[in-house]
Amino acid sequence: MQTIVAWRMVSGTAHVLAAARQAVAIGLTVEEVSEVLYRDWMRLEHALANRPGLHTAIISLQTITHALRSDLEPETEALIDELMGHAA
């Protein structure tokens, strides 16, 4: 699924990004704890300039990781900081 998302994001048009978003949604129904798919979702929402969607992706992942009592991967934390404008 992640390959489909990556391929769809290459062209960057809104229509193709919407298809990538759909691929992420399908992937998360199968593997709801995949940080790779959540990172893709975050990148998609950022590319679409959809700040509320970006927040939704972040909060959804944080909720799941909190419920599992696990930490976010360093790559995910760095991406969140970057996309939210907190990059050093």
C-alpha atoms as a PDB file:
ATOM      1  CA  MET A   1       0.000   0.000   0.000  1.00  0.00           C
ATOM      2  CA  GLN A   2       2.805   2.391   0.832  1.00  0.00           C
ATOM      3  CA  THR A   3       4.197   1.938  -2.676  1.00  0.00           C
ATOM      4  CA  ILE A   4       0.874   3.017  -4.170  1.00  0.00           C
ATOM      5  CA  VAL A   5       0.825   6.088  -1.943  1.00  0.00           C
ATOM      6  CA  ALA A   6       4.398   7.032  -2.869  1.00  0.00           C
ATOM      7  CA  TRP A   7       3.675   6.570  -6.567  1.00  0.00           C
ATOM      8  CA  ARG A   8       0.521   8.686  -6.378  1.00  0.00           C
ATOM      9  CA  MET A   9       2.341  11.499  -4.561  1.00  0.00           C
ATOM     10  CA  VAL A  10       4.973  11.901  -7.283  1.00  0.00           C
ATOM     11  CA  SER A  11       2.895  14.036  -9.627  1.00  0.00           C
ATOM     12  CA  GLY A  12       1.507  16.144  -6.810  1.00  0.00           C
ATOM     13  CA  THR A  13      -1.786  17.164  -8.416  1.00  0.00           C
ATOM     14  CA  ALA A  14      -4.768  17.461  -6.075  1.00  0.00           C
ATOM     15  CA  HIS A  15      -6.622  14.660  -7.872  1.00  0.00           C
ATOM     16  CA  VAL A  16      -3.718  12.258  -7.584  1.00  0.00           C
ATOM     17  CA  LEU A  17      -3.104  13.260  -3.968  1.00  0.00           C
ATOM     18  CA  ALA A  18      -6.758  12.500  -3.233  1.00  0.00           C
ATOM     19  CA  ALA A  19      -6.201   9.014  -4.663  1.00  0.00           C
ATOM     20  CA  ALA A  20      -3.121   8.653  -2.475  1.00  0.00           C
ATOM     21  CA  ARG A  21      -5.202   9.698   0.529  1.00  0.00           C
ATOM     22  CA  GLN A  22      -7.673   6.948  -0.332  1.00  0.00           C
ATOM     23  CA  ALA A  23      -4.825   4.423  -0.517  1.00  0.00           C
ATOM     24  CA  VAL A  24      -3.637   5.513   2.935  1.00  0.00           C
ATOM     25  CA  ALA A  25      -7.141   5.127   4.354  1.00  0.00           C
ATOM     26  CA  ILE A  26      -7.422   1.621   2.935  1.00  0.00           C
ATOM     27  CA  GLY A  27      -3.960   0.725   4.215  1.00  0.00           C
ATOM     28  CA  LEU A  28      -4.788   1.938   7.706  1.00  0.00           C
ATOM     29  CA  THR A  29      -7.882  -0.261   7.813  1.00  0.00           C
ATOM     30  CA  VAL A  30      -5.560  -3.224   7.302  1.00  0.00           C
ATOM     31  CA  GLU A  31      -2.646  -2.070   9.441  1.00  0.00           C
ATOM     32  CA  GLU A  32      -3.869   0.646  11.779  1.00  0.00           C
ATOM     33  CA  VAL A  33      -0.539   1.047  13.581  1.00  0.00           C
ATOM     34  CA  SER A  34       1.683   1.566  10.527  1.00  0.00           C
ATOM     35  CA  GLU A  35       3.716   4.691  11.202  1.00  0.00           C
ATOM     36  CA  VAL A  36       4.899   4.607   7.588  1.00  0.00           C
ATOM     37  CA  LEU A  37       1.308   5.054   6.409  1.00  0.00           C
ATOM     38  CA  TYR A  38       0.672   7.748   9.008  1.00  0.00           C
ATOM     39  CA  ARG A  39       3.767   9.605   7.809  1.00  0.00           C
ATOM     40  CA  ASP A  40       2.435   9.357   4.251  1.00  0.00           C
ATOM     41  CA  TRP A  41      -0.931  10.660   5.442  1.00  0.00           C
ATOM     42  CA  MET A  42       0.775  13.604   7.134  1.00  0.00           C
ATOM     43  CA  ARG A  43       2.795  14.404   3.999  1.00  0.00           C
ATOM     44  CA  LEU A  44      -0.376  14.220   1.891  1.00  0.00           C
ATOM     45  CA  GLU A  45      -2.321  16.604   4.071  1.00  0.00           C
ATOM     46  CA  HIS A  46       0.637  18.965   4.149  1.00  0.00           C
ATOM     47  CA  ALA A  47       0.944  18.810   0.333  1.00  0.00           C
ATOM     48  CA  LEU A  48      -2.760  19.619   0.063  1.00  0.00           C
ATOM     49  CA  ALA A  49      -2.311  22.525   2.520  1.00  0.00           C
ATOM     50  CA  ASN A  50      -4.931  20.853   4.706  1.00  0.00           C
ATOM     51  CA  ARG A  51      -3.840  21.847   8.212  1.00  0.00           C
ATOM     52  CA  PRO A  52      -6.927  20.306   9.902  1.00  0.00           C
ATOM     53  CA  GLY A  53      -6.254  17.034   8.045  1.00  0.00           C
ATOM     54  CA  LEU A  54      -2.634  17.127   9.183  1.00  0.00           C
ATOM     55  CA  HIS A  55      -3.790  17.597  12.780  1.00  0.00           C
ATOM     56  CA  THR A  56      -6.220  14.695  12.396  1.00  0.00           C
ATOM     57  CA  ALA A  57      -3.452  12.395  11.145  1.00  0.00           C
ATOM     58  CA  ILE A  58      -1.137  13.375  14.005  1.00  0.00           C
ATOM     59  CA  ILE A  59      -3.794  13.043  16.694  1.00  0.00           C
ATOM     60  CA  SER A  60      -4.964   9.689  15.306  1.00  0.00           C
ATOM     61  CA  LEU A  61      -1.442   8.285  15.437  1.00  0.00           C
ATOM     62  CA  GLN A  62      -0.765   9.724  18.893  1.00  0.00           C
ATOM     63  CA  THR A  63      -3.998   8.202  20.192  1.00  0.00           C
ATOM     64  CA  ILE A  64      -3.057   4.767  18.918  1.00  0.00           C
ATOM     65  CA  THR A  65       0.506   4.901  20.210  1.00  0.00           C
ATOM     66  CA  HIS A  66      -0.724   6.136  23.591  1.00  0.00           C
ATOM     67  CA  ALA A  67      -3.242   3.279  23.796  1.00  0.00           C
ATOM     68  CA  LEU A  68      -0.459   0.818  22.952  1.00  0.00           C
ATOM     69  CA  ARG A  69       1.857   2.543  25.447  1.00  0.00           C
ATOM     70  CA  SER A  70       4.527   2.950  22.824  1.00  0.00           C
ATOM     71  CA  ASP A  71       6.579   5.843  21.541  1.00  0.00           C
ATOM     72  CA  LEU A  72       6.607   7.379  18.104  1.00  0.00           C
ATOM     73  CA  GLU A  73       9.516   6.468  15.882  1.00  0.00           C
ATOM     74  CA  PRO A  74      12.182   9.214  15.724  1.00  0.00           C
ATOM     75  CA  GLU A  75      11.469   9.667  12.006  1.00  0.00           C
ATOM     76  CA  THR A  76       7.794  10.305  12.774  1.00  0.00           C
ATOM     77  CA  GLU A  77       8.602  12.806  15.519  1.00  0.00           C
ATOM     78  CA  ALA A  78      10.977  14.652  13.191  1.00  0.00           C
ATOM     79  CA  LEU A  79       8.359  14.743  10.424  1.00  0.00           C
ATOM     80  CA  ILE A  80       5.720  16.133  12.783  1.00  0.00           C
ATOM     81  CA  ASP A  81       8.112  18.854  13.912  1.00  0.00           C
ATOM     82  CA  GLU A  82       8.985  19.683  10.302  1.00  0.00           C
ATOM     83  CA  LEU A  83       5.402  19.794   9.038  1.00  0.00           C
ATOM     84  CA  MET A  84       4.133  21.730  12.030  1.00  0.00           C
ATOM     85  CA  GLY A  85       6.885  24.302  11.526  1.00  0.00           C
ATOM     86  CA  HIS A  86       8.996  23.427  14.543  1.00  0.00           C
ATOM     87  CA  ALA A  87      12.080  22.218  12.674  1.00  0.00           C
ATOM     88  CA  ALA A  88      15.312  23.432  14.166  1.00  0.00           C
END
